[in-house]
């Protein structure tokens, strides 16, 4: 998939980063709209820190992965659960693309773990 940043640069997102983008966006839409309620009820919002989620026990399931990714993304972003979906989508794309291209064309595992 082609990703555009605010500075107008284009690049291709890796499969790993497309997965990270999709997880964060699906989680955000679910938490923001409370739909579907069966999925929303599995997420636990922090009572101490706004806009963070309580990470469940580590697994390969969507709830854990999306919660962990959101919390990592929030460390480098100012978006909140009250932000518009389009704002969050742009911020996630820009953050992922910037991290992916941070190390140039050389392979680096941090391309897929940083925001």
PDB file of N, CA and C in Angstrom:
ATOM      1  N   UNK A   1       0.840  -1.180   0.000  1.00  0.00           N
ATOM      2  CA  UNK A   1       0.000   0.000   0.000  1.00  0.00           C
ATOM      3  C   UNK A   1       0.883   1.240   0.000  1.00  0.00           C
ATOM      4  N   UNK A   2       0.465   2.233  -0.730  1.00  0.00           N
ATOM      5  CA  UNK A   2       1.211   3.479  -0.811  1.00  0.00           C
ATOM      6  C   UNK A   2       0.760   4.374   0.328  1.00  0.00           C
ATOM      7  N   UNK A   3       1.715   4.954   1.015  1.00  0.00           N
ATOM      8  CA  UNK A   3       1.438   5.821   2.154  1.00  0.00           C
ATOM      9  C   UNK A   3       1.960   7.212   1.841  1.00  0.00           C
ATOM     10  N   UNK A   4       1.153   8.223   2.096  1.00  0.00           N
ATOM     11  CA  UNK A   4       1.565   9.602   1.902  1.00  0.00           C
ATOM     12  C   UNK A   4       1.691  10.271   3.254  1.00  0.00           C
ATOM     13  N   UNK A   5       2.761  11.010   3.449  1.00  0.00           N
ATOM     14  CA  UNK A   5       2.932  11.763   4.692  1.00  0.00           C
ATOM     15  C   UNK A   5       2.521  13.204   4.445  1.00  0.00           C
ATOM     16  N   UNK A   6       2.437  13.987   5.489  1.00  0.00           N
ATOM     17  CA  UNK A   6       2.045  15.380   5.359  1.00  0.00           C
ATOM     18  C   UNK A   6       3.041  16.178   4.543  1.00  0.00           C
ATOM     19  N   UNK A   7       4.289  15.740   4.514  1.00  0.00           N
ATOM     20  CA  UNK A   7       5.298  16.463   3.755  1.00  0.00           C
ATOM     21  C   UNK A   7       5.236  16.117   2.273  1.00  0.00           C
ATOM     22  N   UNK A   8       4.330  15.208   1.889  1.00  0.00           N
ATOM     23  CA  UNK A   8       4.154  14.882   0.490  1.00  0.00           C
ATOM     24  C   UNK A   8       5.011  13.737  -0.003  1.00  0.00           C
ATOM     25  N   UNK A   9       5.812  13.126   0.855  1.00  0.00           N
ATOM     26  CA  UNK A   9       6.632  11.997   0.445  1.00  0.00           C
ATOM     27  C   UNK A   9       5.782  10.736   0.398  1.00  0.00           C
ATOM     28  N   UNK A  10       6.062   9.897  -0.572  1.00  0.00           N
ATOM     29  CA  UNK A  10       5.329   8.656  -0.713  1.00  0.00           C
ATOM     30  C   UNK A  10       6.252   7.482  -0.492  1.00  0.00           C
ATOM     31  N   UNK A  11       5.716   6.411  -0.034  1.00  0.00           N
ATOM     32  CA  UNK A  11       6.479   5.197   0.171  1.00  0.00           C
ATOM     33  C   UNK A  11       5.535   4.027   0.264  1.00  0.00           C
ATOM     34  N   UNK A  12       6.079   2.865   0.360  1.00  0.00           N
ATOM     35  CA  UNK A  12       5.265   1.658   0.483  1.00  0.00           C
ATOM     36  C   UNK A  12       5.373   1.134   1.905  1.00  0.00           C
ATOM     37  N   UNK A  13       4.215   0.820   2.472  1.00  0.00           N
ATOM     38  CA  UNK A  13       4.189   0.264   3.820  1.00  0.00           C
ATOM     39  C   UNK A  13       4.419  -1.237   3.738  1.00  0.00           C
ATOM     40  N   UNK A  14       5.193  -1.764   4.656  1.00  0.00           N
ATOM     41  CA  UNK A  14       5.427  -3.204   4.704  1.00  0.00           C
ATOM     42  C   UNK A  14       4.194  -3.907   5.256  1.00  0.00           C
ATOM     43  N   UNK A  15       4.131  -5.198   5.066  1.00  0.00           N
ATOM     44  CA  UNK A  15       3.001  -5.972   5.569  1.00  0.00           C
ATOM     45  C   UNK A  15       2.898  -5.833   7.081  1.00  0.00           C
ATOM     46  N   UNK A  16       4.021  -5.869   7.771  1.00  0.00           N
ATOM     47  CA  UNK A  16       4.013  -5.737   9.224  1.00  0.00           C
ATOM     48  C   UNK A  16       3.405  -4.401   9.645  1.00  0.00           C
ATOM     49  N   UNK A  17       3.743  -3.341   8.930  1.00  0.00           N
ATOM     50  CA  UNK A  17       3.225  -2.024   9.283  1.00  0.00           C
ATOM     51  C   UNK A  17       1.774  -1.836   8.850  1.00  0.00           C
ATOM     52  N   UNK A  18       1.359  -2.496   7.788  1.00  0.00           N
ATOM     53  CA  UNK A  18      -0.061  -2.471   7.431  1.00  0.00           C
ATOM     54  C   UNK A  18      -0.885  -3.150   8.521  1.00  0.00           C
ATOM     55  N   UNK A  19      -0.361  -4.226   9.072  1.00  0.00           N
ATOM     56  CA  UNK A  19      -1.021  -4.922  10.178  1.00  0.00           C
ATOM     57  C   UNK A  19      -1.127  -4.010  11.396  1.00  0.00           C
ATOM     58  N   UNK A  20      -0.041  -3.333  11.745  1.00  0.00           N
ATOM     59  CA  UNK A  20      -0.054  -2.416  12.893  1.00  0.00           C
ATOM     60  C   UNK A  20      -1.070  -1.304  12.686  1.00  0.00           C
ATOM     61  N   UNK A  21      -1.106  -0.744  11.483  1.00  0.00           N
ATOM     62  CA  UNK A  21      -2.059   0.320  11.162  1.00  0.00           C
ATOM     63  C   UNK A  21      -3.490  -0.181  11.310  1.00  0.00           C
ATOM     64  N   UNK A  22      -3.766  -1.337  10.752  1.00  0.00           N
ATOM     65  CA  UNK A  22      -5.131  -1.877  10.786  1.00  0.00           C
ATOM     66  C   UNK A  22      -5.569  -2.201  12.214  1.00  0.00           C
ATOM     67  N   UNK A  23      -4.680  -2.789  13.005  1.00  0.00           N
ATOM     68  CA  UNK A  23      -5.025  -3.106  14.403  1.00  0.00           C
ATOM     69  C   UNK A  23      -5.380  -1.848  15.188  1.00  0.00           C
ATOM     70  N   UNK A  24      -4.550  -0.832  15.063  1.00  0.00           N
ATOM     71  CA  UNK A  24      -4.796   0.406  15.801  1.00  0.00           C
ATOM     72  C   UNK A  24      -6.108   1.044  15.354  1.00  0.00           C
ATOM     73  N   UNK A  25      -6.344   1.097  14.059  1.00  0.00           N
ATOM     74  CA  UNK A  25      -7.559   1.759  13.570  1.00  0.00           C
ATOM     75  C   UNK A  25      -8.827   0.994  13.950  1.00  0.00           C
ATOM     76  N   UNK A  26      -8.800  -0.317  13.855  1.00  0.00           N
ATOM     77  CA  UNK A  26      -9.989  -1.095  14.235  1.00  0.00           C
ATOM     78  C   UNK A  26     -10.270  -0.967  15.724  1.00  0.00           C
ATOM     79  N   UNK A  27      -9.210  -1.000  16.547  1.00  0.00           N
ATOM     80  CA  UNK A  27      -9.383  -0.827  17.988  1.00  0.00           C
ATOM     81  C   UNK A  27      -9.934   0.566  18.282  1.00  0.00           C
ATOM     82  N   UNK A  28      -9.363   1.592  17.637  1.00  0.00           N
ATOM     83  CA  UNK A  28      -9.797   2.961  17.891  1.00  0.00           C
ATOM     84  C   UNK A  28     -11.277   3.142  17.543  1.00  0.00           C
ATOM     85  N   UNK A  29     -11.700   2.651  16.394  1.00  0.00           N
ATOM     86  CA  UNK A  29     -13.105   2.774  15.979  1.00  0.00           C
ATOM     87  C   UNK A  29     -14.025   2.058  16.956  1.00  0.00           C
ATOM     88  N   UNK A  30     -13.604   0.896  17.442  1.00  0.00           N
ATOM     89  CA  UNK A  30     -14.418   0.141  18.392  1.00  0.00           C
ATOM     90  C   UNK A  30     -14.539   0.876  19.718  1.00  0.00           C
ATOM     91  N   UNK A  31     -13.430   1.374  20.235  1.00  0.00           N
ATOM     92  CA  UNK A  31     -13.456   2.072  21.522  1.00  0.00           C
ATOM     93  C   UNK A  31     -14.200   3.404  21.406  1.00  0.00           C
ATOM     94  N   UNK A  32     -14.011   4.106  20.303  1.00  0.00           N
ATOM     95  CA  UNK A  32     -14.662   5.404  20.128  1.00  0.00           C
ATOM     96  C   UNK A  32     -16.184   5.271  19.996  1.00  0.00           C
ATOM     97  N   UNK A  33     -16.631   4.287  19.229  1.00  0.00           N
ATOM     98  CA  UNK A  33     -18.062   4.160  18.951  1.00  0.00           C
ATOM     99  C   UNK A  33     -18.787   3.150  19.846  1.00  0.00           C
ATOM    100  N   UNK A  34     -18.023   2.354  20.601  1.00  0.00           N
ATOM    101  CA  UNK A  34     -18.577   1.301  21.469  1.00  0.00           C
ATOM    102  C   UNK A  34     -19.311   0.237  20.659  1.00  0.00           C
ATOM    103  N   UNK A  35     -18.943   0.074  19.397  1.00  0.00           N
ATOM    104  CA  UNK A  35     -19.595  -0.894  18.517  1.00  0.00           C
ATOM    105  C   UNK A  35     -18.528  -1.724  17.845  1.00  0.00           C
ATOM    106  N   UNK A  36     -18.649  -3.015  17.777  1.00  0.00           N
ATOM    107  CA  UNK A  36     -19.661  -3.864  18.422  1.00  0.00           C
ATOM    108  C   UNK A  36     -19.417  -3.950  19.936  1.00  0.00           C
ATOM    109  N   UNK A  37     -20.486  -3.953  20.663  1.00  0.00           N
ATOM    110  CA  UNK A  37     -20.400  -3.912  22.125  1.00  0.00           C
ATOM    111  C   UNK A  37     -19.689  -5.145  22.675  1.00  0.00           C
ATOM    112  N   UNK A  38     -19.856  -6.274  22.015  1.00  0.00           N
ATOM    113  CA  UNK A  38     -19.191  -7.495  22.493  1.00  0.00           C
ATOM    114  C   UNK A  38     -17.672  -7.363  22.412  1.00  0.00           C
ATOM    115  N   UNK A  39     -17.172  -6.676  21.413  1.00  0.00           N
ATOM    116  CA  UNK A  39     -15.732  -6.449  21.286  1.00  0.00           C
ATOM    117  C   UNK A  39     -15.292  -5.294  22.194  1.00  0.00           C
ATOM    118  N   UNK A  40     -16.080  -4.230  22.241  1.00  0.00           N
ATOM    119  CA  UNK A  40     -15.756  -3.083  23.087  1.00  0.00           C
ATOM    120  C   UNK A  40     -15.605  -3.496  24.553  1.00  0.00           C
ATOM    121  N   UNK A  41     -16.438  -4.402  25.016  1.00  0.00           N
ATOM    122  CA  UNK A  41     -16.402  -4.804  26.419  1.00  0.00           C
ATOM    123  C   UNK A  41     -15.105  -5.532  26.792  1.00  0.00           C
ATOM    124  N   UNK A  42     -14.343  -5.975  25.812  1.00  0.00           N
ATOM    125  CA  UNK A  42     -13.075  -6.658  26.087  1.00  0.00           C
ATOM    126  C   UNK A  42     -11.919  -5.690  26.327  1.00  0.00           C
ATOM    127  N   UNK A  43     -12.087  -4.430  25.931  1.00  0.00           N
ATOM    128  CA  UNK A  43     -11.058  -3.416  26.157  1.00  0.00           C
ATOM    129  C   UNK A  43     -11.276  -2.774  27.514  1.00  0.00           C
ATOM    130  N   UNK A  44     -10.180  -2.510  28.235  1.00  0.00           N
ATOM    131  CA  UNK A  44     -10.274  -1.880  29.554  1.00  0.00           C
ATOM    132  C   UNK A  44      -9.536  -0.549  29.517  1.00  0.00           C
ATOM    133  N   UNK A  45     -10.270   0.534  29.706  1.00  0.00           N
ATOM    134  CA  UNK A  45      -9.677   1.868  29.739  1.00  0.00           C
ATOM    135  C   UNK A  45      -9.040   2.109  31.092  1.00  0.00           C
ATOM    136  N   UNK A  46      -7.899   2.758  31.078  1.00  0.00           N
ATOM    137  CA  UNK A  46      -7.209   3.088  32.319  1.00  0.00           C
ATOM    138  C   UNK A  46      -7.984   4.167  33.066  1.00  0.00           C
ATOM    139  N   UNK A  47      -8.091   4.022  34.369  1.00  0.00           N
ATOM    140  CA  UNK A  47      -8.752   5.054  35.180  1.00  0.00           C
ATOM    141  C   UNK A  47      -7.742   6.090  35.665  1.00  0.00           C
ATOM    142  N   UNK A  48      -6.449   5.761  35.585  1.00  0.00           N
ATOM    143  CA  UNK A  48      -5.417   6.688  36.049  1.00  0.00           C
ATOM    144  C   UNK A  48      -4.873   7.575  34.937  1.00  0.00           C
ATOM    145  N   UNK A  49      -4.767   7.039  33.732  1.00  0.00           N
ATOM    146  CA  UNK A  49      -4.201   7.809  32.629  1.00  0.00           C
ATOM    147  C   UNK A  49      -5.188   7.848  31.476  1.00  0.00           C
ATOM    148  N   UNK A  50      -5.588   9.057  31.111  1.00  0.00           N
ATOM    149  CA  UNK A  50      -6.529   9.219  30.006  1.00  0.00           C
ATOM    150  C   UNK A  50      -5.950   8.653  28.715  1.00  0.00           C
ATOM    151  N   UNK A  51      -6.798   8.087  27.920  1.00  0.00           N
ATOM    152  CA  UNK A  51      -6.475   7.623  26.579  1.00  0.00           C
ATOM    153  C   UNK A  51      -5.487   6.471  26.515  1.00  0.00           C
ATOM    154  N   UNK A  52      -5.301   5.779  27.613  1.00  0.00           N
ATOM    155  CA  UNK A  52      -4.505   4.560  27.594  1.00  0.00           C
ATOM    156  C   UNK A  52      -5.403   3.376  27.914  1.00  0.00           C
ATOM    157  N   UNK A  53      -5.003   2.227  27.429  1.00  0.00           N
ATOM    158  CA  UNK A  53      -5.749   1.008  27.688  1.00  0.00           C
ATOM    159  C   UNK A  53      -4.921   0.105  28.593  1.00  0.00           C
ATOM    160  N   UNK A  54      -5.591  -0.679  29.404  1.00  0.00           N
ATOM    161  CA  UNK A  54      -4.907  -1.645  30.250  1.00  0.00           C
ATOM    162  C   UNK A  54      -4.638  -2.874  29.401  1.00  0.00           C
ATOM    163  N   UNK A  55      -3.378  -3.223  29.308  1.00  0.00           N
ATOM    164  CA  UNK A  55      -2.969  -4.339  28.459  1.00  0.00           C
ATOM    165  C   UNK A  55      -3.291  -5.662  29.142  1.00  0.00           C
ATOM    166  N   UNK A  56      -4.020  -6.541  28.457  1.00  0.00           N
ATOM    167  CA  UNK A  56      -4.302  -7.857  29.042  1.00  0.00           C
ATOM    168  C   UNK A  56      -3.067  -8.752  29.016  1.00  0.00           C
ATOM    169  N   UNK A  57      -3.217  -9.953  29.522  1.00  0.00           N
ATOM    170  CA  UNK A  57      -2.123 -10.923  29.516  1.00  0.00           C
ATOM    171  C   UNK A  57      -1.638 -11.127  28.077  1.00  0.00           C
ATOM    172  N   UNK A  58      -0.318 -11.139  27.846  1.00  0.00           N
ATOM    173  CA  UNK A  58       0.212 -11.251  26.477  1.00  0.00           C
ATOM    174  C   UNK A  58      -0.241 -12.510  25.737  1.00  0.00           C
ATOM    175  N   UNK A  59      -0.800 -12.287  24.563  1.00  0.00           N
ATOM    176  CA  UNK A  59      -1.218 -13.366  23.656  1.00  0.00           C
ATOM    177  C   UNK A  59      -1.023 -12.867  22.234  1.00  0.00           C
ATOM    178  N   UNK A  60      -1.404 -13.675  21.278  1.00  0.00           N
ATOM    179  CA  UNK A  60      -1.390 -13.255  19.880  1.00  0.00           C
ATOM    180  C   UNK A  60      -2.762 -12.789  19.425  1.00  0.00           C
ATOM    181  N   UNK A  61      -3.679 -12.596  20.350  1.00  0.00           N
ATOM    182  CA  UNK A  61      -5.035 -12.208  20.003  1.00  0.00           C
ATOM    183  C   UNK A  61      -5.141 -10.703  19.764  1.00  0.00           C
ATOM    184  N   UNK A  62      -6.189 -10.336  19.050  1.00  0.00           N
ATOM    185  CA  UNK A  62      -6.403  -8.950  18.644  1.00  0.00           C
ATOM    186  C   UNK A  62      -6.458  -7.986  19.819  1.00  0.00           C
ATOM    187  N   UNK A  63      -7.126  -8.334  20.885  1.00  0.00           N
ATOM    188  CA  UNK A  63      -7.286  -7.414  22.026  1.00  0.00           C
ATOM    189  C   UNK A  63      -5.926  -7.043  22.596  1.00  0.00           C
ATOM    190  N   UNK A  64      -5.080  -8.023  22.825  1.00  0.00           N
ATOM    191  CA  UNK A  64      -3.750  -7.728  23.362  1.00  0.00           C
ATOM    192  C   UNK A  64      -2.924  -6.923  22.369  1.00  0.00           C
ATOM    193  N   UNK A  65      -2.849  -7.387  21.125  1.00  0.00           N
ATOM    194  CA  UNK A  65      -2.003  -6.731  20.119  1.00  0.00           C
ATOM    195  C   UNK A  65      -2.431  -5.286  19.895  1.00  0.00           C
ATOM    196  N   UNK A  66      -3.715  -5.050  19.718  1.00  0.00           N
ATOM    197  CA  UNK A  66      -4.176  -3.692  19.435  1.00  0.00           C
ATOM    198  C   UNK A  66      -4.011  -2.778  20.646  1.00  0.00           C
ATOM    199  N   UNK A  67      -4.237  -3.299  21.845  1.00  0.00           N
ATOM    200  CA  UNK A  67      -4.037  -2.508  23.061  1.00  0.00           C
ATOM    201  C   UNK A  67      -2.575  -2.124  23.214  1.00  0.00           C
ATOM    202  N   UNK A  68      -1.679  -3.086  23.041  1.00  0.00           N
ATOM    203  CA  UNK A  68      -0.246  -2.822  23.166  1.00  0.00           C
ATOM    204  C   UNK A  68       0.209  -1.823  22.107  1.00  0.00           C
ATOM    205  N   UNK A  69      -0.233  -2.005  20.856  1.00  0.00           N
ATOM    206  CA  UNK A  69       0.148  -1.089  19.784  1.00  0.00           C
ATOM    207  C   UNK A  69      -0.364   0.330  20.053  1.00  0.00           C
ATOM    208  N   UNK A  70      -1.601   0.455  20.522  1.00  0.00           N
ATOM    209  CA  UNK A  70      -2.167   1.772  20.828  1.00  0.00           C
ATOM    210  C   UNK A  70      -1.340   2.477  21.904  1.00  0.00           C
ATOM    211  N   UNK A  71      -1.013   1.757  22.967  1.00  0.00           N
ATOM    212  CA  UNK A  71      -0.242   2.360  24.053  1.00  0.00           C
ATOM    213  C   UNK A  71       1.154   2.780  23.592  1.00  0.00           C
ATOM    214  N   UNK A  72       1.775   1.999  22.717  1.00  0.00           N
ATOM    215  CA  UNK A  72       3.075   2.373  22.165  1.00  0.00           C
ATOM    216  C   UNK A  72       2.944   3.604  21.270  1.00  0.00           C
ATOM    217  N   UNK A  73       1.916   3.618  20.451  1.00  0.00           N
ATOM    218  CA  UNK A  73       1.676   4.749  19.553  1.00  0.00           C
ATOM    219  C   UNK A  73       1.409   6.025  20.340  1.00  0.00           C
ATOM    220  N   UNK A  74       0.659   5.936  21.434  1.00  0.00           N
ATOM    221  CA  UNK A  74       0.308   7.107  22.238  1.00  0.00           C
ATOM    222  C   UNK A  74       1.527   7.771  22.871  1.00  0.00           C
ATOM    223  N   UNK A  75       2.613   7.039  23.045  1.00  0.00           N
ATOM    224  CA  UNK A  75       3.836   7.626  23.617  1.00  0.00           C
ATOM    225  C   UNK A  75       4.422   8.701  22.710  1.00  0.00           C
ATOM    226  N   UNK A  76       4.150   8.613  21.420  1.00  0.00           N
ATOM    227  CA  UNK A  76       4.730   9.562  20.471  1.00  0.00           C
ATOM    228  C   UNK A  76       3.667  10.398  19.758  1.00  0.00           C
ATOM    229  N   UNK A  77       2.454  10.392  20.266  1.00  0.00           N
ATOM    230  CA  UNK A  77       1.364  11.090  19.580  1.00  0.00           C
ATOM    231  C   UNK A  77       0.501  11.865  20.572  1.00  0.00           C
ATOM    232  N   UNK A  78      -0.229  12.818  20.053  1.00  0.00           N
ATOM    233  CA  UNK A  78      -1.124  13.610  20.896  1.00  0.00           C
ATOM    234  C   UNK A  78      -2.590  13.273  20.656  1.00  0.00           C
ATOM    235  N   UNK A  79      -2.883  12.264  19.843  1.00  0.00           N
ATOM    236  CA  UNK A  79      -4.275  11.898  19.579  1.00  0.00           C
ATOM    237  C   UNK A  79      -4.907  11.310  20.835  1.00  0.00           C
ATOM    238  N   UNK A  80      -6.222  11.446  20.925  1.00  0.00           N
ATOM    239  CA  UNK A  80      -6.969  10.922  22.062  1.00  0.00           C
ATOM    240  C   UNK A  80      -8.181  10.166  21.534  1.00  0.00           C
ATOM    241  N   UNK A  81      -8.929   9.550  22.436  1.00  0.00           N
ATOM    242  CA  UNK A  81     -10.134   8.850  22.017  1.00  0.00           C
ATOM    243  C   UNK A  81     -11.239   9.809  21.577  1.00  0.00           C
ATOM    244  N   UNK A  82     -11.060  11.093  21.824  1.00  0.00           N
ATOM    245  CA  UNK A  82     -12.036  12.076  21.344  1.00  0.00           C
ATOM    246  C   UNK A  82     -11.644  12.656  19.983  1.00  0.00           C
ATOM    247  N   UNK A  83     -10.469  12.287  19.473  1.00  0.00           N
ATOM    248  CA  UNK A  83     -10.026  12.763  18.160  1.00  0.00           C
ATOM    249  C   UNK A  83     -10.900  12.161  17.054  1.00  0.00           C
ATOM    250  N   UNK A  84     -10.986  12.886  15.949  1.00  0.00           N
ATOM    251  CA  UNK A  84     -11.713  12.360  14.796  1.00  0.00           C
ATOM    252  C   UNK A  84     -10.940  11.184  14.207  1.00  0.00           C
ATOM    253  N   UNK A  85     -11.669  10.255  13.611  1.00  0.00           N
ATOM    254  CA  UNK A  85     -11.052   9.065  13.021  1.00  0.00           C
ATOM    255  C   UNK A  85     -10.042   9.453  11.956  1.00  0.00           C
ATOM    256  N   UNK A  86     -10.365  10.441  11.131  1.00  0.00           N
ATOM    257  CA  UNK A  86      -9.447  10.849  10.062  1.00  0.00           C
ATOM    258  C   UNK A  86      -8.141  11.410  10.628  1.00  0.00           C
ATOM    259  N   UNK A  87      -8.198  12.092  11.759  1.00  0.00           N
ATOM    260  CA  UNK A  87      -7.002  12.644  12.395  1.00  0.00           C
ATOM    261  C   UNK A  87      -6.114  11.509  12.905  1.00  0.00           C
ATOM    262  N   UNK A  88      -6.731  10.528  13.552  1.00  0.00           N
ATOM    263  CA  UNK A  88      -5.979   9.386  14.074  1.00  0.00           C
ATOM    264  C   UNK A  88      -5.372   8.594  12.917  1.00  0.00           C
ATOM    265  N   UNK A  89      -6.146   8.374  11.880  1.00  0.00           N
ATOM    266  CA  UNK A  89      -5.657   7.623  10.723  1.00  0.00           C
ATOM    267  C   UNK A  89      -4.432   8.292  10.110  1.00  0.00           C
ATOM    268  N   UNK A  90      -4.488   9.594   9.935  1.00  0.00           N
ATOM    269  CA  UNK A  90      -3.341  10.325   9.394  1.00  0.00           C
ATOM    270  C   UNK A  90      -2.131  10.260  10.311  1.00  0.00           C
ATOM    271  N   UNK A  91      -2.369  10.400  11.614  1.00  0.00           N
ATOM    272  CA  UNK A  91      -1.269  10.364  12.578  1.00  0.00           C
ATOM    273  C   UNK A  91      -0.609   8.984  12.615  1.00  0.00           C
ATOM    274  N   UNK A  92      -1.407   7.938  12.548  1.00  0.00           N
ATOM    275  CA  UNK A  92      -0.864   6.575  12.558  1.00  0.00           C
ATOM    276  C   UNK A  92      -0.046   6.330  11.293  1.00  0.00           C
ATOM    277  N   UNK A  93      -0.594   6.712  10.149  1.00  0.00           N
ATOM    278  CA  UNK A  93       0.135   6.529   8.883  1.00  0.00           C
ATOM    279  C   UNK A  93       1.464   7.266   8.893  1.00  0.00           C
ATOM    280  N   UNK A  94       1.425   8.500   9.314  1.00  0.00           N
ATOM    281  CA  UNK A  94       2.655   9.296   9.323  1.00  0.00           C
ATOM    282  C   UNK A  94       3.678   8.693  10.282  1.00  0.00           C
ATOM    283  N   UNK A  95       3.242   8.317  11.453  1.00  0.00           N
ATOM    284  CA  UNK A  95       4.137   7.757  12.453  1.00  0.00           C
ATOM    285  C   UNK A  95       4.760   6.444  11.973  1.00  0.00           C
ATOM    286  N   UNK A  96       3.959   5.579  11.408  1.00  0.00           N
ATOM    287  CA  UNK A  96       4.465   4.296  10.914  1.00  0.00           C
ATOM    288  C   UNK A  96       5.420   4.496   9.750  1.00  0.00           C
ATOM    289  N   UNK A  97       5.050   5.368   8.822  1.00  0.00           N
ATOM    290  CA  UNK A  97       5.927   5.597   7.669  1.00  0.00           C
ATOM    291  C   UNK A  97       7.254   6.221   8.099  1.00  0.00           C
ATOM    292  N   UNK A  98       7.194   7.173   9.013  1.00  0.00           N
ATOM    293  CA  UNK A  98       8.431   7.789   9.514  1.00  0.00           C
ATOM    294  C   UNK A  98       9.328   6.753  10.189  1.00  0.00           C
ATOM    295  N   UNK A  99       8.740   5.877  10.992  1.00  0.00           N
ATOM    296  CA  UNK A  99       9.527   4.835  11.664  1.00  0.00           C
ATOM    297  C   UNK A  99      10.094   3.849  10.657  1.00  0.00           C
ATOM    298  N   UNK A 100       9.303   3.515   9.662  1.00  0.00           N
ATOM    299  CA  UNK A 100       9.744   2.553   8.650  1.00  0.00           C
ATOM    300  C   UNK A 100      10.910   3.090   7.834  1.00  0.00           C
ATOM    301  N   UNK A 101      10.923   4.384   7.584  1.00  0.00           N
ATOM    302  CA  UNK A 101      11.978   4.953   6.745  1.00  0.00           C
ATOM    303  C   UNK A 101      13.133   5.552   7.566  1.00  0.00           C
ATOM    304  N   UNK A 102      13.072   5.462   8.873  1.00  0.00           N
ATOM    305  CA  UNK A 102      14.078   6.049   9.754  1.00  0.00           C
ATOM    306  C   UNK A 102      15.480   5.492   9.518  1.00  0.00           C
ATOM    307  N   UNK A 103      15.574   4.243   9.121  1.00  0.00           N
ATOM    308  CA  UNK A 103      16.868   3.597   8.958  1.00  0.00           C
ATOM    309  C   UNK A 103      17.254   3.433   7.487  1.00  0.00           C
ATOM    310  N   UNK A 104      16.642   4.211   6.613  1.00  0.00           N
ATOM    311  CA  UNK A 104      16.967   4.150   5.193  1.00  0.00           C
ATOM    312  C   UNK A 104      16.530   2.832   4.586  1.00  0.00           C
ATOM    313  N   UNK A 105      17.314   2.353   3.649  1.00  0.00           N
ATOM    314  CA  UNK A 105      16.956   1.117   2.965  1.00  0.00           C
ATOM    315  C   UNK A 105      17.517  -0.120   3.661  1.00  0.00           C
ATOM    316  N   UNK A 106      18.256   0.075   4.729  1.00  0.00           N
ATOM    317  CA  UNK A 106      18.824  -1.058   5.457  1.00  0.00           C
ATOM    318  C   UNK A 106      17.759  -1.707   6.342  1.00  0.00           C
ATOM    319  N   UNK A 107      17.790  -3.034   6.413  1.00  0.00           N
ATOM    320  CA  UNK A 107      16.878  -3.763   7.282  1.00  0.00           C
ATOM    321  C   UNK A 107      17.231  -3.481   8.736  1.00  0.00           C
ATOM    322  N   UNK A 108      16.207  -3.207   9.527  1.00  0.00           N
ATOM    323  CA  UNK A 108      16.375  -2.999  10.954  1.00  0.00           C
ATOM    324  C   UNK A 108      15.066  -3.411  11.614  1.00  0.00           C
ATOM    325  N   UNK A 109      15.142  -4.283  12.595  1.00  0.00           N
ATOM    326  CA  UNK A 109      13.907  -4.764  13.226  1.00  0.00           C
ATOM    327  C   UNK A 109      13.127  -3.629  13.891  1.00  0.00           C
ATOM    328  N   UNK A 110      13.796  -2.542  14.218  1.00  0.00           N
ATOM    329  CA  UNK A 110      13.114  -1.400  14.835  1.00  0.00           C
ATOM    330  C   UNK A 110      12.173  -0.699  13.870  1.00  0.00           C
ATOM    331  N   UNK A 111      12.316  -0.955  12.572  1.00  0.00           N
ATOM    332  CA  UNK A 111      11.384  -0.404  11.586  1.00  0.00           C
ATOM    333  C   UNK A 111       9.950  -0.825  11.890  1.00  0.00           C
ATOM    334  N   UNK A 112       9.799  -1.954  12.591  1.00  0.00           N
ATOM    335  CA  UNK A 112       8.475  -2.513  12.820  1.00  0.00           C
ATOM    336  C   UNK A 112       8.067  -2.512  14.274  1.00  0.00           C
ATOM    337  N   UNK A 113       8.857  -1.889  15.127  1.00  0.00           N
ATOM    338  CA  UNK A 113       8.495  -1.852  16.541  1.00  0.00           C
ATOM    339  C   UNK A 113       8.408  -0.443  17.089  1.00  0.00           C
ATOM    340  N   UNK A 114       8.915   0.538  16.348  1.00  0.00           N
ATOM    341  CA  UNK A 114       8.877   1.926  16.807  1.00  0.00           C
ATOM    342  C   UNK A 114       7.735   2.684  16.138  1.00  0.00           C
ATOM    343  N   UNK A 115       7.366   3.786  16.766  1.00  0.00           N
ATOM    344  CA  UNK A 115       6.410   4.718  16.147  1.00  0.00           C
ATOM    345  C   UNK A 115       7.073   6.048  16.011  1.00  0.00           C
TER     346      UNK A 115
END
